[in-house]
């Protein structure tokens, strides 16, 4: 799954809609 990301406080953040793949 390709997603946009942001580096923040040492972590990677991804904001997304709650797609079915998110439940995995």
PDBML (XML) file of the C-alpha atoms, coordinates in Angstrom:
<?xml version="1.0" encoding="UTF-8" ?>
<PDBx:datablock datablockName="MODEL"
   xmlns:PDBx="http://pdbml.pdb.org/schema/pdbx-v50.xsd"
   xmlns:xsi="http://www.w3.org/2001/XMLSchema-instance"
   xsi:schemaLocation="http://pdbml.pdb.org/schema/pdbx-v50.xsd pdbx-v50.xsd">
   <PDBx:atom_siteCategory>
      <PDBx:atom_site id="1">
         <PDBx:B_iso_or_equiv>0.00</PDBx:B_iso_or_equiv>
         <PDBx:Cartn_x>0.000</PDBx:Cartn_x>
         <PDBx:Cartn_y>0.000</PDBx:Cartn_y>
         <PDBx:Cartn_z>0.000</PDBx:Cartn_z>
         <PDBx:auth_asym_id>A</PDBx:auth_asym_id>
         <PDBx:auth_atom_id>CA</PDBx:auth_atom_id>
         <PDBx:auth_comp_id>UNK</PDBx:auth_comp_id>
         <PDBx:auth_seq_id>1</PDBx:auth_seq_id>
         <PDBx:group_PDB>ATOM</PDBx:group_PDB>
         <PDBx:label_alt_id xsi:nil="true" />
         <PDBx:label_asym_id>A</PDBx:label_asym_id>
         <PDBx:label_atom_id>CA</PDBx:label_atom_id>
         <PDBx:label_comp_id>UNK</PDBx:label_comp_id>
         <PDBx:label_entity_id>1</PDBx:label_entity_id>
         <PDBx:label_seq_id>1</PDBx:label_seq_id>
         <PDBx:occupancy>1.00</PDBx:occupancy>
         <PDBx:pdbx_PDB_model_num>1</PDBx:pdbx_PDB_model_num>
         <PDBx:type_symbol>C</PDBx:type_symbol>
      </PDBx:atom_site>
      <PDBx:atom_site id="2">
         <PDBx:B_iso_or_equiv>0.00</PDBx:B_iso_or_equiv>
         <PDBx:Cartn_x>1.629</PDBx:Cartn_x>
         <PDBx:Cartn_y>3.270</PDBx:Cartn_y>
         <PDBx:Cartn_z>-1.106</PDBx:Cartn_z>
         <PDBx:auth_asym_id>A</PDBx:auth_asym_id>
         <PDBx:auth_atom_id>CA</PDBx:auth_atom_id>
         <PDBx:auth_comp_id>UNK</PDBx:auth_comp_id>
         <PDBx:auth_seq_id>2</PDBx:auth_seq_id>
         <PDBx:group_PDB>ATOM</PDBx:group_PDB>
         <PDBx:label_alt_id xsi:nil="true" />
         <PDBx:label_asym_id>A</PDBx:label_asym_id>
         <PDBx:label_atom_id>CA</PDBx:label_atom_id>
         <PDBx:label_comp_id>UNK</PDBx:label_comp_id>
         <PDBx:label_entity_id>1</PDBx:label_entity_id>
         <PDBx:label_seq_id>2</PDBx:label_seq_id>
         <PDBx:occupancy>1.00</PDBx:occupancy>
         <PDBx:pdbx_PDB_model_num>1</PDBx:pdbx_PDB_model_num>
         <PDBx:type_symbol>C</PDBx:type_symbol>
      </PDBx:atom_site>
      <PDBx:atom_site id="3">
         <PDBx:B_iso_or_equiv>0.00</PDBx:B_iso_or_equiv>
         <PDBx:Cartn_x>0.985</PDBx:Cartn_x>
         <PDBx:Cartn_y>6.091</PDBx:Cartn_y>
         <PDBx:Cartn_z>1.363</PDBx:Cartn_z>
         <PDBx:auth_asym_id>A</PDBx:auth_asym_id>
         <PDBx:auth_atom_id>CA</PDBx:auth_atom_id>
         <PDBx:auth_comp_id>UNK</PDBx:auth_comp_id>
         <PDBx:auth_seq_id>3</PDBx:auth_seq_id>
         <PDBx:group_PDB>ATOM</PDBx:group_PDB>
         <PDBx:label_alt_id xsi:nil="true" />
         <PDBx:label_asym_id>A</PDBx:label_asym_id>
         <PDBx:label_atom_id>CA</PDBx:label_atom_id>
         <PDBx:label_comp_id>UNK</PDBx:label_comp_id>
         <PDBx:label_entity_id>1</PDBx:label_entity_id>
         <PDBx:label_seq_id>3</PDBx:label_seq_id>
         <PDBx:occupancy>1.00</PDBx:occupancy>
         <PDBx:pdbx_PDB_model_num>1</PDBx:pdbx_PDB_model_num>
         <PDBx:type_symbol>C</PDBx:type_symbol>
      </PDBx:atom_site>
      <PDBx:atom_site id="4">
         <PDBx:B_iso_or_equiv>0.00</PDBx:B_iso_or_equiv>
         <PDBx:Cartn_x>2.220</PDBx:Cartn_x>
         <PDBx:Cartn_y>9.607</PDBx:Cartn_y>
         <PDBx:Cartn_z>2.068</PDBx:Cartn_z>
         <PDBx:auth_asym_id>A</PDBx:auth_asym_id>
         <PDBx:auth_atom_id>CA</PDBx:auth_atom_id>
         <PDBx:auth_comp_id>UNK</PDBx:auth_comp_id>
         <PDBx:auth_seq_id>4</PDBx:auth_seq_id>
         <PDBx:group_PDB>ATOM</PDBx:group_PDB>
         <PDBx:label_alt_id xsi:nil="true" />
         <PDBx:label_asym_id>A</PDBx:label_asym_id>
         <PDBx:label_atom_id>CA</PDBx:label_atom_id>
         <PDBx:label_comp_id>UNK</PDBx:label_comp_id>
         <PDBx:label_entity_id>1</PDBx:label_entity_id>
         <PDBx:label_seq_id>4</PDBx:label_seq_id>
         <PDBx:occupancy>1.00</PDBx:occupancy>
         <PDBx:pdbx_PDB_model_num>1</PDBx:pdbx_PDB_model_num>
         <PDBx:type_symbol>C</PDBx:type_symbol>
      </PDBx:atom_site>
      <PDBx:atom_site id="5">
         <PDBx:B_iso_or_equiv>0.00</PDBx:B_iso_or_equiv>
         <PDBx:Cartn_x>4.193</PDBx:Cartn_x>
         <PDBx:Cartn_y>9.914</PDBx:Cartn_y>
         <PDBx:Cartn_z>5.289</PDBx:Cartn_z>
         <PDBx:auth_asym_id>A</PDBx:auth_asym_id>
         <PDBx:auth_atom_id>CA</PDBx:auth_atom_id>
         <PDBx:auth_comp_id>UNK</PDBx:auth_comp_id>
         <PDBx:auth_seq_id>5</PDBx:auth_seq_id>
         <PDBx:group_PDB>ATOM</PDBx:group_PDB>
         <PDBx:label_alt_id xsi:nil="true" />
         <PDBx:label_asym_id>A</PDBx:label_asym_id>
         <PDBx:label_atom_id>CA</PDBx:label_atom_id>
         <PDBx:label_comp_id>UNK</PDBx:label_comp_id>
         <PDBx:label_entity_id>1</PDBx:label_entity_id>
         <PDBx:label_seq_id>5</PDBx:label_seq_id>
         <PDBx:occupancy>1.00</PDBx:occupancy>
         <PDBx:pdbx_PDB_model_num>1</PDBx:pdbx_PDB_model_num>
         <PDBx:type_symbol>C</PDBx:type_symbol>
      </PDBx:atom_site>
      <PDBx:atom_site id="6">
         <PDBx:B_iso_or_equiv>0.00</PDBx:B_iso_or_equiv>
         <PDBx:Cartn_x>5.710</PDBx:Cartn_x>
         <PDBx:Cartn_y>12.483</PDBx:Cartn_y>
         <PDBx:Cartn_z>7.626</PDBx:Cartn_z>
         <PDBx:auth_asym_id>A</PDBx:auth_asym_id>
         <PDBx:auth_atom_id>CA</PDBx:auth_atom_id>
         <PDBx:auth_comp_id>UNK</PDBx:auth_comp_id>
         <PDBx:auth_seq_id>6</PDBx:auth_seq_id>
         <PDBx:group_PDB>ATOM</PDBx:group_PDB>
         <PDBx:label_alt_id xsi:nil="true" />
         <PDBx:label_asym_id>A</PDBx:label_asym_id>
         <PDBx:label_atom_id>CA</PDBx:label_atom_id>
         <PDBx:label_comp_id>UNK</PDBx:label_comp_id>
         <PDBx:label_entity_id>1</PDBx:label_entity_id>
         <PDBx:label_seq_id>6</PDBx:label_seq_id>
         <PDBx:occupancy>1.00</PDBx:occupancy>
         <PDBx:pdbx_PDB_model_num>1</PDBx:pdbx_PDB_model_num>
         <PDBx:type_symbol>C</PDBx:type_symbol>
      </PDBx:atom_site>
      <PDBx:atom_site id="7">
         <PDBx:B_iso_or_equiv>0.00</PDBx:B_iso_or_equiv>
         <PDBx:Cartn_x>8.617</PDBx:Cartn_x>
         <PDBx:Cartn_y>12.067</PDBx:Cartn_y>
         <PDBx:Cartn_z>9.996</PDBx:Cartn_z>
         <PDBx:auth_asym_id>A</PDBx:auth_asym_id>
         <PDBx:auth_atom_id>CA</PDBx:auth_atom_id>
         <PDBx:auth_comp_id>UNK</PDBx:auth_comp_id>
         <PDBx:auth_seq_id>7</PDBx:auth_seq_id>
         <PDBx:group_PDB>ATOM</PDBx:group_PDB>
         <PDBx:label_alt_id xsi:nil="true" />
         <PDBx:label_asym_id>A</PDBx:label_asym_id>
         <PDBx:label_atom_id>CA</PDBx:label_atom_id>
         <PDBx:label_comp_id>UNK</PDBx:label_comp_id>
         <PDBx:label_entity_id>1</PDBx:label_entity_id>
         <PDBx:label_seq_id>7</PDBx:label_seq_id>
         <PDBx:occupancy>1.00</PDBx:occupancy>
         <PDBx:pdbx_PDB_model_num>1</PDBx:pdbx_PDB_model_num>
         <PDBx:type_symbol>C</PDBx:type_symbol>
      </PDBx:atom_site>
      <PDBx:atom_site id="8">
         <PDBx:B_iso_or_equiv>0.00</PDBx:B_iso_or_equiv>
         <PDBx:Cartn_x>7.648</PDBx:Cartn_x>
         <PDBx:Cartn_y>13.358</PDBx:Cartn_y>
         <PDBx:Cartn_z>13.448</PDBx:Cartn_z>
         <PDBx:auth_asym_id>A</PDBx:auth_asym_id>
         <PDBx:auth_atom_id>CA</PDBx:auth_atom_id>
         <PDBx:auth_comp_id>UNK</PDBx:auth_comp_id>
         <PDBx:auth_seq_id>8</PDBx:auth_seq_id>
         <PDBx:group_PDB>ATOM</PDBx:group_PDB>
         <PDBx:label_alt_id xsi:nil="true" />
         <PDBx:label_asym_id>A</PDBx:label_asym_id>
         <PDBx:label_atom_id>CA</PDBx:label_atom_id>
         <PDBx:label_comp_id>UNK</PDBx:label_comp_id>
         <PDBx:label_entity_id>1</PDBx:label_entity_id>
         <PDBx:label_seq_id>8</PDBx:label_seq_id>
         <PDBx:occupancy>1.00</PDBx:occupancy>
         <PDBx:pdbx_PDB_model_num>1</PDBx:pdbx_PDB_model_num>
         <PDBx:type_symbol>C</PDBx:type_symbol>
      </PDBx:atom_site>
      <PDBx:atom_site id="9">
         <PDBx:B_iso_or_equiv>0.00</PDBx:B_iso_or_equiv>
         <PDBx:Cartn_x>9.378</PDBx:Cartn_x>
         <PDBx:Cartn_y>12.950</PDBx:Cartn_y>
         <PDBx:Cartn_z>16.820</PDBx:Cartn_z>
         <PDBx:auth_asym_id>A</PDBx:auth_asym_id>
         <PDBx:auth_atom_id>CA</PDBx:auth_atom_id>
         <PDBx:auth_comp_id>UNK</PDBx:auth_comp_id>
         <PDBx:auth_seq_id>9</PDBx:auth_seq_id>
         <PDBx:group_PDB>ATOM</PDBx:group_PDB>
         <PDBx:label_alt_id xsi:nil="true" />
         <PDBx:label_asym_id>A</PDBx:label_asym_id>
         <PDBx:label_atom_id>CA</PDBx:label_atom_id>
         <PDBx:label_comp_id>UNK</PDBx:label_comp_id>
         <PDBx:label_entity_id>1</PDBx:label_entity_id>
         <PDBx:label_seq_id>9</PDBx:label_seq_id>
         <PDBx:occupancy>1.00</PDBx:occupancy>
         <PDBx:pdbx_PDB_model_num>1</PDBx:pdbx_PDB_model_num>
         <PDBx:type_symbol>C</PDBx:type_symbol>
      </PDBx:atom_site>
      <PDBx:atom_site id="10">
         <PDBx:B_iso_or_equiv>0.00</PDBx:B_iso_or_equiv>
         <PDBx:Cartn_x>11.372</PDBx:Cartn_x>
         <PDBx:Cartn_y>9.933</PDBx:Cartn_y>
         <PDBx:Cartn_z>15.608</PDBx:Cartn_z>
         <PDBx:auth_asym_id>A</PDBx:auth_asym_id>
         <PDBx:auth_atom_id>CA</PDBx:auth_atom_id>
         <PDBx:auth_comp_id>UNK</PDBx:auth_comp_id>
         <PDBx:auth_seq_id>10</PDBx:auth_seq_id>
         <PDBx:group_PDB>ATOM</PDBx:group_PDB>
         <PDBx:label_alt_id xsi:nil="true" />
         <PDBx:label_asym_id>A</PDBx:label_asym_id>
         <PDBx:label_atom_id>CA</PDBx:label_atom_id>
         <PDBx:label_comp_id>UNK</PDBx:label_comp_id>
         <PDBx:label_entity_id>1</PDBx:label_entity_id>
         <PDBx:label_seq_id>10</PDBx:label_seq_id>
         <PDBx:occupancy>1.00</PDBx:occupancy>
         <PDBx:pdbx_PDB_model_num>1</PDBx:pdbx_PDB_model_num>
         <PDBx:type_symbol>C</PDBx:type_symbol>
      </PDBx:atom_site>
      <PDBx:atom_site id="11">
         <PDBx:B_iso_or_equiv>0.00</PDBx:B_iso_or_equiv>
         <PDBx:Cartn_x>8.339</PDBx:Cartn_x>
         <PDBx:Cartn_y>8.150</PDBx:Cartn_y>
         <PDBx:Cartn_z>14.192</PDBx:Cartn_z>
         <PDBx:auth_asym_id>A</PDBx:auth_asym_id>
         <PDBx:auth_atom_id>CA</PDBx:auth_atom_id>
         <PDBx:auth_comp_id>UNK</PDBx:auth_comp_id>
         <PDBx:auth_seq_id>11</PDBx:auth_seq_id>
         <PDBx:group_PDB>ATOM</PDBx:group_PDB>
         <PDBx:label_alt_id xsi:nil="true" />
         <PDBx:label_asym_id>A</PDBx:label_asym_id>
         <PDBx:label_atom_id>CA</PDBx:label_atom_id>
         <PDBx:label_comp_id>UNK</PDBx:label_comp_id>
         <PDBx:label_entity_id>1</PDBx:label_entity_id>
         <PDBx:label_seq_id>11</PDBx:label_seq_id>
         <PDBx:occupancy>1.00</PDBx:occupancy>
         <PDBx:pdbx_PDB_model_num>1</PDBx:pdbx_PDB_model_num>
         <PDBx:type_symbol>C</PDBx:type_symbol>
      </PDBx:atom_site>
      <PDBx:atom_site id="12">
         <PDBx:B_iso_or_equiv>0.00</PDBx:B_iso_or_equiv>
         <PDBx:Cartn_x>6.703</PDBx:Cartn_x>
         <PDBx:Cartn_y>7.854</PDBx:Cartn_y>
         <PDBx:Cartn_z>10.784</PDBx:Cartn_z>
         <PDBx:auth_asym_id>A</PDBx:auth_asym_id>
         <PDBx:auth_atom_id>CA</PDBx:auth_atom_id>
         <PDBx:auth_comp_id>UNK</PDBx:auth_comp_id>
         <PDBx:auth_seq_id>12</PDBx:auth_seq_id>
         <PDBx:group_PDB>ATOM</PDBx:group_PDB>
         <PDBx:label_alt_id xsi:nil="true" />
         <PDBx:label_asym_id>A</PDBx:label_asym_id>
         <PDBx:label_atom_id>CA</PDBx:label_atom_id>
         <PDBx:label_comp_id>UNK</PDBx:label_comp_id>
         <PDBx:label_entity_id>1</PDBx:label_entity_id>
         <PDBx:label_seq_id>12</PDBx:label_seq_id>
         <PDBx:occupancy>1.00</PDBx:occupancy>
         <PDBx:pdbx_PDB_model_num>1</PDBx:pdbx_PDB_model_num>
         <PDBx:type_symbol>C</PDBx:type_symbol>
      </PDBx:atom_site>
      <PDBx:atom_site id="13">
         <PDBx:B_iso_or_equiv>0.00</PDBx:B_iso_or_equiv>
         <PDBx:Cartn_x>3.132</PDBx:Cartn_x>
         <PDBx:Cartn_y>9.184</PDBx:Cartn_y>
         <PDBx:Cartn_z>10.633</PDBx:Cartn_z>
         <PDBx:auth_asym_id>A</PDBx:auth_asym_id>
         <PDBx:auth_atom_id>CA</PDBx:auth_atom_id>
         <PDBx:auth_comp_id>UNK</PDBx:auth_comp_id>
         <PDBx:auth_seq_id>13</PDBx:auth_seq_id>
         <PDBx:group_PDB>ATOM</PDBx:group_PDB>
         <PDBx:label_alt_id xsi:nil="true" />
         <PDBx:label_asym_id>A</PDBx:label_asym_id>
         <PDBx:label_atom_id>CA</PDBx:label_atom_id>
         <PDBx:label_comp_id>UNK</PDBx:label_comp_id>
         <PDBx:label_entity_id>1</PDBx:label_entity_id>
         <PDBx:label_seq_id>13</PDBx:label_seq_id>
         <PDBx:occupancy>1.00</PDBx:occupancy>
         <PDBx:pdbx_PDB_model_num>1</PDBx:pdbx_PDB_model_num>
         <PDBx:type_symbol>C</PDBx:type_symbol>
      </PDBx:atom_site>
      <PDBx:atom_site id="14">
         <PDBx:B_iso_or_equiv>0.00</PDBx:B_iso_or_equiv>
         <PDBx:Cartn_x>0.592</PDBx:Cartn_x>
         <PDBx:Cartn_y>8.192</PDBx:Cartn_y>
         <PDBx:Cartn_z>8.015</PDBx:Cartn_z>
         <PDBx:auth_asym_id>A</PDBx:auth_asym_id>
         <PDBx:auth_atom_id>CA</PDBx:auth_atom_id>
         <PDBx:auth_comp_id>UNK</PDBx:auth_comp_id>
         <PDBx:auth_seq_id>14</PDBx:auth_seq_id>
         <PDBx:group_PDB>ATOM</PDBx:group_PDB>
         <PDBx:label_alt_id xsi:nil="true" />
         <PDBx:label_asym_id>A</PDBx:label_asym_id>
         <PDBx:label_atom_id>CA</PDBx:label_atom_id>
         <PDBx:label_comp_id>UNK</PDBx:label_comp_id>
         <PDBx:label_entity_id>1</PDBx:label_entity_id>
         <PDBx:label_seq_id>14</PDBx:label_seq_id>
         <PDBx:occupancy>1.00</PDBx:occupancy>
         <PDBx:pdbx_PDB_model_num>1</PDBx:pdbx_PDB_model_num>
         <PDBx:type_symbol>C</PDBx:type_symbol>
      </PDBx:atom_site>
      <PDBx:atom_site id="15">
         <PDBx:B_iso_or_equiv>0.00</PDBx:B_iso_or_equiv>
         <PDBx:Cartn_x>-2.829</PDBx:Cartn_x>
         <PDBx:Cartn_y>9.806</PDBx:Cartn_y>
         <PDBx:Cartn_z>7.939</PDBx:Cartn_z>
         <PDBx:auth_asym_id>A</PDBx:auth_asym_id>
         <PDBx:auth_atom_id>CA</PDBx:auth_atom_id>
         <PDBx:auth_comp_id>UNK</PDBx:auth_comp_id>
         <PDBx:auth_seq_id>15</PDBx:auth_seq_id>
         <PDBx:group_PDB>ATOM</PDBx:group_PDB>
         <PDBx:label_alt_id xsi:nil="true" />
         <PDBx:label_asym_id>A</PDBx:label_asym_id>
         <PDBx:label_atom_id>CA</PDBx:label_atom_id>
         <PDBx:label_comp_id>UNK</PDBx:label_comp_id>
         <PDBx:label_entity_id>1</PDBx:label_entity_id>
         <PDBx:label_seq_id>15</PDBx:label_seq_id>
         <PDBx:occupancy>1.00</PDBx:occupancy>
         <PDBx:pdbx_PDB_model_num>1</PDBx:pdbx_PDB_model_num>
         <PDBx:type_symbol>C</PDBx:type_symbol>
      </PDBx:atom_site>
      <PDBx:atom_site id="16">
         <PDBx:B_iso_or_equiv>0.00</PDBx:B_iso_or_equiv>
         <PDBx:Cartn_x>-5.429</PDBx:Cartn_x>
         <PDBx:Cartn_y>7.759</PDBx:Cartn_y>
         <PDBx:Cartn_z>6.073</PDBx:Cartn_z>
         <PDBx:auth_asym_id>A</PDBx:auth_asym_id>
         <PDBx:auth_atom_id>CA</PDBx:auth_atom_id>
         <PDBx:auth_comp_id>UNK</PDBx:auth_comp_id>
         <PDBx:auth_seq_id>16</PDBx:auth_seq_id>
         <PDBx:group_PDB>ATOM</PDBx:group_PDB>
         <PDBx:label_alt_id xsi:nil="true" />
         <PDBx:label_asym_id>A</PDBx:label_asym_id>
         <PDBx:label_atom_id>CA</PDBx:label_atom_id>
         <PDBx:label_comp_id>UNK</PDBx:label_comp_id>
         <PDBx:label_entity_id>1</PDBx:label_entity_id>
         <PDBx:label_seq_id>16</PDBx:label_seq_id>
         <PDBx:occupancy>1.00</PDBx:occupancy>
         <PDBx:pdbx_PDB_model_num>1</PDBx:pdbx_PDB_model_num>
         <PDBx:type_symbol>C</PDBx:type_symbol>
      </PDBx:atom_site>
      <PDBx:atom_site id="17">
         <PDBx:B_iso_or_equiv>0.00</PDBx:B_iso_or_equiv>
         <PDBx:Cartn_x>-9.079</PDBx:Cartn_x>
         <PDBx:Cartn_y>6.892</PDBx:Cartn_y>
         <PDBx:Cartn_z>5.896</PDBx:Cartn_z>
         <PDBx:auth_asym_id>A</PDBx:auth_asym_id>
         <PDBx:auth_atom_id>CA</PDBx:auth_atom_id>
         <PDBx:auth_comp_id>UNK</PDBx:auth_comp_id>
         <PDBx:auth_seq_id>17</PDBx:auth_seq_id>
         <PDBx:group_PDB>ATOM</PDBx:group_PDB>
         <PDBx:label_alt_id xsi:nil="true" />
         <PDBx:label_asym_id>A</PDBx:label_asym_id>
         <PDBx:label_atom_id>CA</PDBx:label_atom_id>
         <PDBx:label_comp_id>UNK</PDBx:label_comp_id>
         <PDBx:label_entity_id>1</PDBx:label_entity_id>
         <PDBx:label_seq_id>17</PDBx:label_seq_id>
         <PDBx:occupancy>1.00</PDBx:occupancy>
         <PDBx:pdbx_PDB_model_num>1</PDBx:pdbx_PDB_model_num>
         <PDBx:type_symbol>C</PDBx:type_symbol>
      </PDBx:atom_site>
      <PDBx:atom_site id="18">
         <PDBx:B_iso_or_equiv>0.00</PDBx:B_iso_or_equiv>
         <PDBx:Cartn_x>-9.961</PDBx:Cartn_x>
         <PDBx:Cartn_y>3.693</PDBx:Cartn_y>
         <PDBx:Cartn_z>7.708</PDBx:Cartn_z>
         <PDBx:auth_asym_id>A</PDBx:auth_asym_id>
         <PDBx:auth_atom_id>CA</PDBx:auth_atom_id>
         <PDBx:auth_comp_id>UNK</PDBx:auth_comp_id>
         <PDBx:auth_seq_id>18</PDBx:auth_seq_id>
         <PDBx:group_PDB>ATOM</PDBx:group_PDB>
         <PDBx:label_alt_id xsi:nil="true" />
         <PDBx:label_asym_id>A</PDBx:label_asym_id>
         <PDBx:label_atom_id>CA</PDBx:label_atom_id>
         <PDBx:label_comp_id>UNK</PDBx:label_comp_id>
         <PDBx:label_entity_id>1</PDBx:label_entity_id>
         <PDBx:label_seq_id>18</PDBx:label_seq_id>
         <PDBx:occupancy>1.00</PDBx:occupancy>
         <PDBx:pdbx_PDB_model_num>1</PDBx:pdbx_PDB_model_num>
         <PDBx:type_symbol>C</PDBx:type_symbol>
      </PDBx:atom_site>
      <PDBx:atom_site id="19">
         <PDBx:B_iso_or_equiv>0.00</PDBx:B_iso_or_equiv>
         <PDBx:Cartn_x>-9.591</PDBx:Cartn_x>
         <PDBx:Cartn_y>1.451</PDBx:Cartn_y>
         <PDBx:Cartn_z>4.650</PDBx:Cartn_z>
         <PDBx:auth_asym_id>A</PDBx:auth_asym_id>
         <PDBx:auth_atom_id>CA</PDBx:auth_atom_id>
         <PDBx:auth_comp_id>UNK</PDBx:auth_comp_id>
         <PDBx:auth_seq_id>19</PDBx:auth_seq_id>
         <PDBx:group_PDB>ATOM</PDBx:group_PDB>
         <PDBx:label_alt_id xsi:nil="true" />
         <PDBx:label_asym_id>A</PDBx:label_asym_id>
         <PDBx:label_atom_id>CA</PDBx:label_atom_id>
         <PDBx:label_comp_id>UNK</PDBx:label_comp_id>
         <PDBx:label_entity_id>1</PDBx:label_entity_id>
         <PDBx:label_seq_id>19</PDBx:label_seq_id>
         <PDBx:occupancy>1.00</PDBx:occupancy>
         <PDBx:pdbx_PDB_model_num>1</PDBx:pdbx_PDB_model_num>
         <PDBx:type_symbol>C</PDBx:type_symbol>
      </PDBx:atom_site>
      <PDBx:atom_site id="20">
         <PDBx:B_iso_or_equiv>0.00</PDBx:B_iso_or_equiv>
         <PDBx:Cartn_x>-10.088</PDBx:Cartn_x>
         <PDBx:Cartn_y>-2.316</PDBx:Cartn_y>
         <PDBx:Cartn_z>5.062</PDBx:Cartn_z>
         <PDBx:auth_asym_id>A</PDBx:auth_asym_id>
         <PDBx:auth_atom_id>CA</PDBx:auth_atom_id>
         <PDBx:auth_comp_id>UNK</PDBx:auth_comp_id>
         <PDBx:auth_seq_id>20</PDBx:auth_seq_id>
         <PDBx:group_PDB>ATOM</PDBx:group_PDB>
         <PDBx:label_alt_id xsi:nil="true" />
         <PDBx:label_asym_id>A</PDBx:label_asym_id>
         <PDBx:label_atom_id>CA</PDBx:label_atom_id>
         <PDBx:label_comp_id>UNK</PDBx:label_comp_id>
         <PDBx:label_entity_id>1</PDBx:label_entity_id>
         <PDBx:label_seq_id>20</PDBx:label_seq_id>
         <PDBx:occupancy>1.00</PDBx:occupancy>
         <PDBx:pdbx_PDB_model_num>1</PDBx:pdbx_PDB_model_num>
         <PDBx:type_symbol>C</PDBx:type_symbol>
      </PDBx:atom_site>
      <PDBx:atom_site id="21">
         <PDBx:B_iso_or_equiv>0.00</PDBx:B_iso_or_equiv>
         <PDBx:Cartn_x>-6.307</PDBx:Cartn_x>
         <PDBx:Cartn_y>-2.886</PDBx:Cartn_y>
         <PDBx:Cartn_z>4.943</PDBx:Cartn_z>
         <PDBx:auth_asym_id>A</PDBx:auth_asym_id>
         <PDBx:auth_atom_id>CA</PDBx:auth_atom_id>
         <PDBx:auth_comp_id>UNK</PDBx:auth_comp_id>
         <PDBx:auth_seq_id>21</PDBx:auth_seq_id>
         <PDBx:group_PDB>ATOM</PDBx:group_PDB>
         <PDBx:label_alt_id xsi:nil="true" />
         <PDBx:label_asym_id>A</PDBx:label_asym_id>
         <PDBx:label_atom_id>CA</PDBx:label_atom_id>
         <PDBx:label_comp_id>UNK</PDBx:label_comp_id>
         <PDBx:label_entity_id>1</PDBx:label_entity_id>
         <PDBx:label_seq_id>21</PDBx:label_seq_id>
         <PDBx:occupancy>1.00</PDBx:occupancy>
         <PDBx:pdbx_PDB_model_num>1</PDBx:pdbx_PDB_model_num>
         <PDBx:type_symbol>C</PDBx:type_symbol>
      </PDBx:atom_site>
      <PDBx:atom_site id="22">
         <PDBx:B_iso_or_equiv>0.00</PDBx:B_iso_or_equiv>
         <PDBx:Cartn_x>-5.894</PDBx:Cartn_x>
         <PDBx:Cartn_y>-0.727</PDBx:Cartn_y>
         <PDBx:Cartn_z>8.072</PDBx:Cartn_z>
         <PDBx:auth_asym_id>A</PDBx:auth_asym_id>
         <PDBx:auth_atom_id>CA</PDBx:auth_atom_id>
         <PDBx:auth_comp_id>UNK</PDBx:auth_comp_id>
         <PDBx:auth_seq_id>22</PDBx:auth_seq_id>
         <PDBx:group_PDB>ATOM</PDBx:group_PDB>
         <PDBx:label_alt_id xsi:nil="true" />
         <PDBx:label_asym_id>A</PDBx:label_asym_id>
         <PDBx:label_atom_id>CA</PDBx:label_atom_id>
         <PDBx:label_comp_id>UNK</PDBx:label_comp_id>
         <PDBx:label_entity_id>1</PDBx:label_entity_id>
         <PDBx:label_seq_id>22</PDBx:label_seq_id>
         <PDBx:occupancy>1.00</PDBx:occupancy>
         <PDBx:pdbx_PDB_model_num>1</PDBx:pdbx_PDB_model_num>
         <PDBx:type_symbol>C</PDBx:type_symbol>
      </PDBx:atom_site>
      <PDBx:atom_site id="23">
         <PDBx:B_iso_or_equiv>0.00</PDBx:B_iso_or_equiv>
         <PDBx:Cartn_x>-7.619</PDBx:Cartn_x>
         <PDBx:Cartn_y>-3.419</PDBx:Cartn_y>
         <PDBx:Cartn_z>10.159</PDBx:Cartn_z>
         <PDBx:auth_asym_id>A</PDBx:auth_asym_id>
         <PDBx:auth_atom_id>CA</PDBx:auth_atom_id>
         <PDBx:auth_comp_id>UNK</PDBx:auth_comp_id>
         <PDBx:auth_seq_id>23</PDBx:auth_seq_id>
         <PDBx:group_PDB>ATOM</PDBx:group_PDB>
         <PDBx:label_alt_id xsi:nil="true" />
         <PDBx:label_asym_id>A</PDBx:label_asym_id>
         <PDBx:label_atom_id>CA</PDBx:label_atom_id>
         <PDBx:label_comp_id>UNK</PDBx:label_comp_id>
         <PDBx:label_entity_id>1</PDBx:label_entity_id>
         <PDBx:label_seq_id>23</PDBx:label_seq_id>
         <PDBx:occupancy>1.00</PDBx:occupancy>
         <PDBx:pdbx_PDB_model_num>1</PDBx:pdbx_PDB_model_num>
         <PDBx:type_symbol>C</PDBx:type_symbol>
      </PDBx:atom_site>
      <PDBx:atom_site id="24">
         <PDBx:B_iso_or_equiv>0.00</PDBx:B_iso_or_equiv>
         <PDBx:Cartn_x>-4.651</PDBx:Cartn_x>
         <PDBx:Cartn_y>-5.693</PDBx:Cartn_y>
         <PDBx:Cartn_z>9.390</PDBx:Cartn_z>
         <PDBx:auth_asym_id>A</PDBx:auth_asym_id>
         <PDBx:auth_atom_id>CA</PDBx:auth_atom_id>
         <PDBx:auth_comp_id>UNK</PDBx:auth_comp_id>
         <PDBx:auth_seq_id>24</PDBx:auth_seq_id>
         <PDBx:group_PDB>ATOM</PDBx:group_PDB>
         <PDBx:label_alt_id xsi:nil="true" />
         <PDBx:label_asym_id>A</PDBx:label_asym_id>
         <PDBx:label_atom_id>CA</PDBx:label_atom_id>
         <PDBx:label_comp_id>UNK</PDBx:label_comp_id>
         <PDBx:label_entity_id>1</PDBx:label_entity_id>
         <PDBx:label_seq_id>24</PDBx:label_seq_id>
         <PDBx:occupancy>1.00</PDBx:occupancy>
         <PDBx:pdbx_PDB_model_num>1</PDBx:pdbx_PDB_model_num>
         <PDBx:type_symbol>C</PDBx:type_symbol>
      </PDBx:atom_site>
   </PDBx:atom_siteCategory>
</PDBx:datablock>
